[in-house]
Amino acid sequence: MTGMGADGMTETAARWRRTREGDLDSLEWLVERMSPLLRAHALYRLAAVTAGESELDDLVQEAWMVLLLKKDEVEFPDRGT
C-alpha cells in the first residue's frame, strides 16, 4: 500500500472508492494486493481448524464476495494507515 496521493487519499482508499463506482481495474488491483493479507490473516486465526490450502482460498473468496455484496455500506479510511 502506498502513501497519500494529491487528493489526500491513500492509493488503497482511492481504489476502493473507484471500485464502489464500478471500476473493475481498481477491483483487480485491490484483490491482487489485499488477498495475500486476507489469506495470511485467515491462516493465523484458523490454522488449527482449517482443512488445508484450498479451504483458506475458499475463505478469502467468501470474504471478497461478502465485501462486494455490501460495498455500498463499507467505507475505507482516507488516512495513511
Protein backbone atom coordinates (compact mmCIF):
# COMPACT_ATOMS: atom_id res chain seq x y z
CA MET A 1 0.00 0.00 0.00
CA THR A 2 1.27 3.39 -0.89
CA GLY A 3 1.22 6.80 0.77
CA MET A 4 -1.12 9.70 0.31
CA GLY A 5 -1.99 10.97 -3.14
CA ALA A 6 -2.53 14.57 -4.23
CA ASP A 7 -6.21 14.30 -3.27
CA GLY A 8 -5.33 13.33 0.32
CA MET A 9 -6.40 9.69 -0.12
CA THR A 10 -4.23 6.63 0.12
CA GLU A 11 -3.95 4.62 -3.07
CA THR A 12 -5.96 1.84 -1.42
CA ALA A 13 -8.76 4.20 -0.35
CA ALA A 14 -8.87 5.75 -3.81
CA ARG A 15 -9.03 2.31 -5.44
CA TRP A 16 -11.84 1.28 -3.07
CA ARG A 17 -13.81 4.42 -3.96
CA ARG A 18 -13.37 3.68 -7.67
CA THR A 19 -14.31 0.02 -7.12
CA ARG A 20 -17.55 1.16 -5.48
CA GLU A 21 -18.18 3.23 -8.62
CA GLY A 22 -17.76 0.12 -10.82
CA ASP A 23 -14.09 0.34 -11.88
CA LEU A 24 -13.04 -3.27 -12.46
CA ASP A 25 -9.34 -2.38 -12.84
CA SER A 26 -9.39 -0.93 -9.33
CA LEU A 27 -11.12 -4.06 -8.03
CA GLU A 28 -8.43 -6.21 -9.63
CA TRP A 29 -5.73 -4.00 -8.05
CA LEU A 30 -7.33 -4.42 -4.62
CA VAL A 31 -7.78 -8.18 -4.95
CA GLU A 32 -4.17 -8.68 -6.06
CA ARG A 33 -2.79 -6.64 -3.18
CA MET A 34 -5.18 -7.49 -0.37
CA SER A 35 -5.82 -11.21 -0.93
CA PRO A 36 -2.40 -12.27 0.41
CA LEU A 37 -3.10 -10.25 3.57
CA LEU A 38 -6.55 -11.81 3.96
CA ARG A 39 -5.07 -15.27 3.42
CA ALA A 40 -2.31 -14.69 5.98
CA HIS A 41 -4.84 -13.44 8.50
CA ALA A 42 -7.10 -16.45 7.91
CA LEU A 43 -4.13 -18.80 8.28
CA TYR A 44 -3.06 -17.12 11.52
CA ARG A 45 -6.56 -17.15 13.01
CA LEU A 46 -7.76 -20.52 11.73
CA ALA A 47 -4.68 -22.70 11.24
CA ALA A 48 -5.79 -25.21 13.87
CA VAL A 49 -9.24 -25.74 12.33
CA THR A 50 -8.74 -25.45 8.55
CA ALA A 51 -8.53 -28.48 6.32
CA GLY A 52 -5.78 -27.02 4.15
CA GLU A 53 -4.77 -24.60 1.46
CA SER A 54 -7.96 -24.87 -0.59
CA GLU A 55 -10.09 -24.10 2.46
CA LEU A 56 -8.07 -20.93 3.11
CA ASP A 57 -8.55 -19.89 -0.51
CA ASP A 58 -12.29 -20.52 -0.18
CA LEU A 59 -12.41 -18.32 2.94
CA VAL A 60 -10.66 -15.48 1.13
CA GLN A 61 -13.06 -15.78 -1.81
CA GLU A 62 -16.03 -15.70 0.54
CA ALA A 63 -14.63 -12.63 2.29
CA TRP A 64 -14.39 -10.84 -1.07
CA MET A 65 -17.94 -11.91 -2.01
CA VAL A 66 -19.36 -10.54 1.24
CA LEU A 67 -17.39 -7.31 0.90
CA LEU A 68 -18.54 -6.77 -2.67
CA LEU A 69 -22.16 -7.54 -1.82
CA LYS A 70 -22.01 -4.87 0.88
CA LYS A 71 -19.66 -2.48 -0.93
CA ASP A 72 -22.07 0.44 -0.69
CA GLU A 73 -22.10 0.08 3.10
CA VAL A 74 -18.31 -0.12 3.56
CA GLU A 75 -16.15 2.98 3.82
CA PHE A 76 -12.38 2.79 3.60
CA PRO A 77 -10.48 5.34 5.70
CA ASP A 78 -8.84 8.12 3.72
CA ARG A 79 -5.85 8.34 6.04
CA GLY A 80 -2.45 6.74 5.56
CA THR A 81 -2.51 3.70 7.87
